[in-house]
């Protein structure tokens, strides 16, 4: 079984854990729709960098009740 030779100091422990922190996601705002979205992703409305790249189909309502 491996046994450490000497105790690790708090500074060494902190230096090892310095990259373990959580980062906030990169968020941007679309210039056309003003919607907040993740960077390099299409918004929910289908806009990317101010241009509409996905046209969402319109839902037709039937009044056959």
Protein backbone atom coordinates (compact mmCIF):
# COMPACT_ATOMS: atom_id res chain seq x y z
CA UNK A 1 0.00 0.00 0.00
CA UNK A 2 1.31 3.46 -0.91
CA UNK A 3 2.04 5.75 2.03
CA UNK A 4 2.86 9.39 1.54
CA UNK A 5 6.24 10.52 2.73
CA UNK A 6 5.11 13.87 4.12
CA UNK A 7 1.91 15.74 4.65
CA UNK A 8 0.60 17.99 1.84
CA UNK A 9 0.38 21.65 2.84
CA UNK A 10 -2.85 23.64 2.40
CA UNK A 11 -1.13 25.78 -0.24
CA UNK A 12 -0.25 22.73 -2.34
CA UNK A 13 -3.75 21.37 -1.94
CA UNK A 14 -5.22 24.71 -3.01
CA UNK A 15 -2.94 24.92 -6.03
CA UNK A 16 -4.05 21.48 -7.18
CA UNK A 17 -7.72 22.40 -6.78
CA UNK A 18 -7.44 25.80 -8.46
CA UNK A 19 -8.87 24.49 -11.75
CA UNK A 20 -11.81 22.63 -10.18
CA UNK A 21 -14.09 25.67 -9.96
CA UNK A 22 -17.29 25.90 -11.97
CA UNK A 23 -17.51 28.39 -14.81
CA UNK A 24 -20.55 30.33 -15.96
CA UNK A 25 -21.82 29.47 -19.44
CA UNK A 26 -20.95 31.95 -22.19
CA UNK A 27 -24.18 33.75 -23.06
CA UNK A 28 -24.86 36.24 -25.85
CA UNK A 29 -27.84 38.29 -27.05
CA UNK A 30 -29.18 37.98 -30.59
CA UNK A 31 -29.18 41.41 -32.29
CA UNK A 32 -32.44 40.82 -34.18
CA UNK A 33 -34.72 39.12 -31.68
CA UNK A 34 -32.96 40.26 -28.48
CA UNK A 35 -33.11 36.71 -27.15
CA UNK A 36 -30.43 35.39 -24.78
CA UNK A 37 -28.80 32.15 -25.91
CA UNK A 38 -25.61 30.12 -25.60
CA UNK A 39 -22.72 31.25 -27.79
CA UNK A 40 -22.47 29.63 -31.25
CA UNK A 41 -25.97 28.17 -30.94
CA UNK A 42 -29.20 28.95 -32.76
CA UNK A 43 -31.86 30.70 -30.63
CA UNK A 44 -35.22 29.08 -29.94
CA UNK A 45 -36.78 31.36 -32.59
CA UNK A 46 -34.33 30.11 -35.23
CA UNK A 47 -32.01 33.13 -35.41
CA UNK A 48 -28.20 32.96 -35.61
CA UNK A 49 -26.04 36.09 -35.75
CA UNK A 50 -29.03 38.23 -36.72
CA UNK A 51 -30.22 36.02 -39.57
CA UNK A 52 -33.12 33.60 -39.48
CA UNK A 53 -31.65 30.22 -40.40
CA UNK A 54 -34.53 27.96 -39.37
CA UNK A 55 -38.11 28.72 -40.38
CA UNK A 56 -40.53 27.26 -37.87
CA UNK A 57 -43.75 25.85 -39.32
CA UNK A 58 -46.94 27.58 -38.30
CA UNK A 59 -49.47 25.50 -36.40
CA UNK A 60 -52.94 25.52 -37.96
CA UNK A 61 -55.81 25.44 -35.48
CA UNK A 62 -58.80 23.29 -36.42
CA UNK A 63 -62.27 24.20 -35.12
CA UNK A 64 -63.84 20.80 -35.85
CA UNK A 65 -65.11 20.34 -32.29
